[in-house]
């Protein structure tokens, strides 16, 4: 009985850590046709992100510059942006870069 309660508590704790994160534009270059998107998450959070939201946001940013759309370069870069002082990390920044598609409309 105690084992069942303990297992249930652990599952509730772990499921409670899943957090929906939205990508936000954090940089880019019109001339290079690149858009940089990022999100942050903290210690004990398990970020849930939408790839389609990222592509849509990047395509919108590219369209403002006159491009036709966007696609991901592939992969992400994760950096610690709040060290805990003991060699660990309390907060991470995840960044992905996207290439604008089509000719730059002038």
C-alpha atoms as a PDB file:
ATOM      1  CA  UNK A   1       0.000   0.000   0.000  1.00  0.00           C
ATOM      2  CA  UNK A   2       2.780   2.435   0.918  1.00  0.00           C
ATOM      3  CA  UNK A   3       4.600   1.589  -2.304  1.00  0.00           C
ATOM      4  CA  UNK A   4       1.462   2.404  -4.337  1.00  0.00           C
ATOM      5  CA  UNK A   5       0.991   5.756  -2.588  1.00  0.00           C
ATOM      6  CA  UNK A   6       4.667   6.618  -3.048  1.00  0.00           C
ATOM      7  CA  UNK A   7       4.532   5.717  -6.742  1.00  0.00           C
ATOM      8  CA  UNK A   8       1.385   7.787  -7.196  1.00  0.00           C
ATOM      9  CA  UNK A   9       2.984  10.805  -5.472  1.00  0.00           C
ATOM     10  CA  UNK A  10       6.079  10.544  -7.643  1.00  0.00           C
ATOM     11  CA  UNK A  11       3.959  10.362 -10.815  1.00  0.00           C
ATOM     12  CA  UNK A  12       1.900  13.396  -9.783  1.00  0.00           C
ATOM     13  CA  UNK A  13       5.111  15.315  -9.040  1.00  0.00           C
ATOM     14  CA  UNK A  14       6.694  14.432 -12.377  1.00  0.00           C
ATOM     15  CA  UNK A  15       3.574  15.191 -14.398  1.00  0.00           C
ATOM     16  CA  UNK A  16       3.218  18.523 -12.618  1.00  0.00           C
ATOM     17  CA  UNK A  17       6.588  19.628 -14.010  1.00  0.00           C
ATOM     18  CA  UNK A  18       5.499  19.613 -17.668  1.00  0.00           C
ATOM     19  CA  UNK A  19       5.209  23.252 -18.737  1.00  0.00           C
ATOM     20  CA  UNK A  20       4.043  24.621 -22.097  1.00  0.00           C
ATOM     21  CA  UNK A  21       6.587  27.102 -23.469  1.00  0.00           C
ATOM     22  CA  UNK A  22       6.141  29.401 -26.450  1.00  0.00           C
ATOM     23  CA  UNK A  23       8.941  30.377 -28.781  1.00  0.00           C
ATOM     24  CA  UNK A  24       9.734  34.102 -28.989  1.00  0.00           C
ATOM     25  CA  UNK A  25      11.861  35.969 -31.522  1.00  0.00           C
ATOM     26  CA  UNK A  26      15.195  36.910 -29.989  1.00  0.00           C
ATOM     27  CA  UNK A  27      17.219  37.971 -33.010  1.00  0.00           C
ATOM     28  CA  UNK A  28      17.900  37.618 -36.672  1.00  0.00           C
ATOM     29  CA  UNK A  29      19.279  39.270 -39.763  1.00  0.00           C
ATOM     30  CA  UNK A  30      17.240  40.549 -42.701  1.00  0.00           C
ATOM     31  CA  UNK A  31      20.294  40.549 -44.967  1.00  0.00           C
ATOM     32  CA  UNK A  32      21.197  36.966 -44.062  1.00  0.00           C
ATOM     33  CA  UNK A  33      17.553  35.857 -44.008  1.00  0.00           C
ATOM     34  CA  UNK A  34      17.813  34.264 -40.572  1.00  0.00           C
ATOM     35  CA  UNK A  35      15.536  34.347 -37.535  1.00  0.00           C
ATOM     36  CA  UNK A  36      16.531  33.273 -34.032  1.00  0.00           C
ATOM     37  CA  UNK A  37      13.811  31.975 -31.677  1.00  0.00           C
ATOM     38  CA  UNK A  38      14.186  31.081 -28.000  1.00  0.00           C
ATOM     39  CA  UNK A  39      12.396  29.959 -24.864  1.00  0.00           C
ATOM     40  CA  UNK A  40      13.474  29.640 -21.229  1.00  0.00           C
ATOM     41  CA  UNK A  41      12.776  26.970 -18.661  1.00  0.00           C
ATOM     42  CA  UNK A  42      13.712  26.469 -15.046  1.00  0.00           C
ATOM     43  CA  UNK A  43      14.942  23.759 -12.737  1.00  0.00           C
ATOM     44  CA  UNK A  44      12.445  20.891 -12.395  1.00  0.00           C
ATOM     45  CA  UNK A  45      10.461  22.082 -15.430  1.00  0.00           C
ATOM     46  CA  UNK A  46       9.960  19.782 -18.381  1.00  0.00           C
ATOM     47  CA  UNK A  47       9.315  22.169 -21.283  1.00  0.00           C
ATOM     48  CA  UNK A  48       6.723  21.243 -23.901  1.00  0.00           C
ATOM     49  CA  UNK A  49       7.166  23.247 -27.110  1.00  0.00           C
ATOM     50  CA  UNK A  50       5.396  23.296 -30.447  1.00  0.00           C
ATOM     51  CA  UNK A  51       7.538  22.943 -33.542  1.00  0.00           C
ATOM     52  CA  UNK A  52       4.669  24.251 -35.673  1.00  0.00           C
ATOM     53  CA  UNK A  53       4.404  27.389 -33.497  1.00  0.00           C
ATOM     54  CA  UNK A  54       8.136  28.002 -34.029  1.00  0.00           C
ATOM     55  CA  UNK A  55       7.942  27.587 -37.816  1.00  0.00           C
ATOM     56  CA  UNK A  56       4.843  29.784 -37.977  1.00  0.00           C
ATOM     57  CA  UNK A  57       6.475  32.550 -35.919  1.00  0.00           C
ATOM     58  CA  UNK A  58       9.676  32.407 -37.986  1.00  0.00           C
ATOM     59  CA  UNK A  59       7.671  32.518 -41.235  1.00  0.00           C
ATOM     60  CA  UNK A  60       5.742  35.562 -39.974  1.00  0.00           C
ATOM     61  CA  UNK A  61       8.981  37.361 -39.133  1.00  0.00           C
ATOM     62  CA  UNK A  62      10.470  36.465 -42.510  1.00  0.00           C
ATOM     63  CA  UNK A  63       7.305  37.673 -44.294  1.00  0.00           C
ATOM     64  CA  UNK A  64       7.693  41.108 -42.681  1.00  0.00           C
ATOM     65  CA  UNK A  65      11.068  41.310 -44.406  1.00  0.00           C
ATOM     66  CA  UNK A  66       9.620  40.178 -47.748  1.00  0.00           C
ATOM     67  CA  UNK A  67      10.545  36.500 -47.719  1.00  0.00           C
ATOM     68  CA  UNK A  68       8.137  33.667 -48.601  1.00  0.00           C
ATOM     69  CA  UNK A  69       8.504  31.450 -45.524  1.00  0.00           C
ATOM     70  CA  UNK A  70      10.998  29.819 -43.159  1.00  0.00           C
ATOM     71  CA  UNK A  71      12.497  26.476 -42.249  1.00  0.00           C
ATOM     72  CA  UNK A  72      14.588  25.343 -39.301  1.00  0.00           C
ATOM     73  CA  UNK A  73      18.310  24.854 -39.719  1.00  0.00           C
ATOM     74  CA  UNK A  74      17.911  21.873 -37.389  1.00  0.00           C
ATOM     75  CA  UNK A  75      18.768  21.368 -33.773  1.00  0.00           C
ATOM     76  CA  UNK A  76      18.795  23.719 -30.824  1.00  0.00           C
ATOM     77  CA  UNK A  77      21.420  25.289 -28.592  1.00  0.00           C
ATOM     78  CA  UNK A  78      20.845  25.137 -24.834  1.00  0.00           C
ATOM     79  CA  UNK A  79      22.757  27.521 -22.556  1.00  0.00           C
ATOM     80  CA  UNK A  80      22.634  27.932 -18.810  1.00  0.00           C
ATOM     81  CA  UNK A  81      21.613  31.509 -18.046  1.00  0.00           C
ATOM     82  CA  UNK A  82      21.302  31.176 -14.260  1.00  0.00           C
ATOM     83  CA  UNK A  83      24.057  29.080 -12.656  1.00  0.00           C
ATOM     84  CA  UNK A  84      23.313  27.821  -9.143  1.00  0.00           C
ATOM     85  CA  UNK A  85      26.831  28.445  -7.811  1.00  0.00           C
ATOM     86  CA  UNK A  86      27.557  24.757  -7.299  1.00  0.00           C
ATOM     87  CA  UNK A  87      28.277  23.744 -10.887  1.00  0.00           C
ATOM     88  CA  UNK A  88      24.622  23.209 -11.790  1.00  0.00           C
ATOM     89  CA  UNK A  89      22.010  25.374 -13.424  1.00  0.00           C
ATOM     90  CA  UNK A  90      18.665  26.832 -12.315  1.00  0.00           C
ATOM     91  CA  UNK A  91      17.497  28.237 -15.663  1.00  0.00           C
ATOM     92  CA  UNK A  92      18.225  27.430 -19.307  1.00  0.00           C
ATOM     93  CA  UNK A  93      17.782  29.315 -22.584  1.00  0.00           C
ATOM     94  CA  UNK A  94      17.032  27.180 -25.658  1.00  0.00           C
ATOM     95  CA  UNK A  95      17.605  28.779 -29.069  1.00  0.00           C
ATOM     96  CA  UNK A  96      16.848  27.613 -32.611  1.00  0.00           C
ATOM     97  CA  UNK A  97      17.748  29.338 -35.852  1.00  0.00           C
ATOM     98  CA  UNK A  98      15.570  29.479 -38.973  1.00  0.00           C
ATOM     99  CA  UNK A  99      16.370  30.301 -42.590  1.00  0.00           C
ATOM    100  CA  UNK A 100      13.984  32.566 -44.477  1.00  0.00           C
ATOM    101  CA  UNK A 101      12.909  31.126 -47.833  1.00  0.00           C
ATOM    102  CA  UNK A 102      12.504  32.761 -51.236  1.00  0.00           C
ATOM    103  CA  UNK A 103      13.930  35.942 -52.641  1.00  0.00           C
ATOM    104  CA  UNK A 104      14.082  39.053 -50.528  1.00  0.00           C
ATOM    105  CA  UNK A 105      11.263  41.260 -51.781  1.00  0.00           C
ATOM    106  CA  UNK A 106      12.367  44.840 -52.140  1.00  0.00           C
END
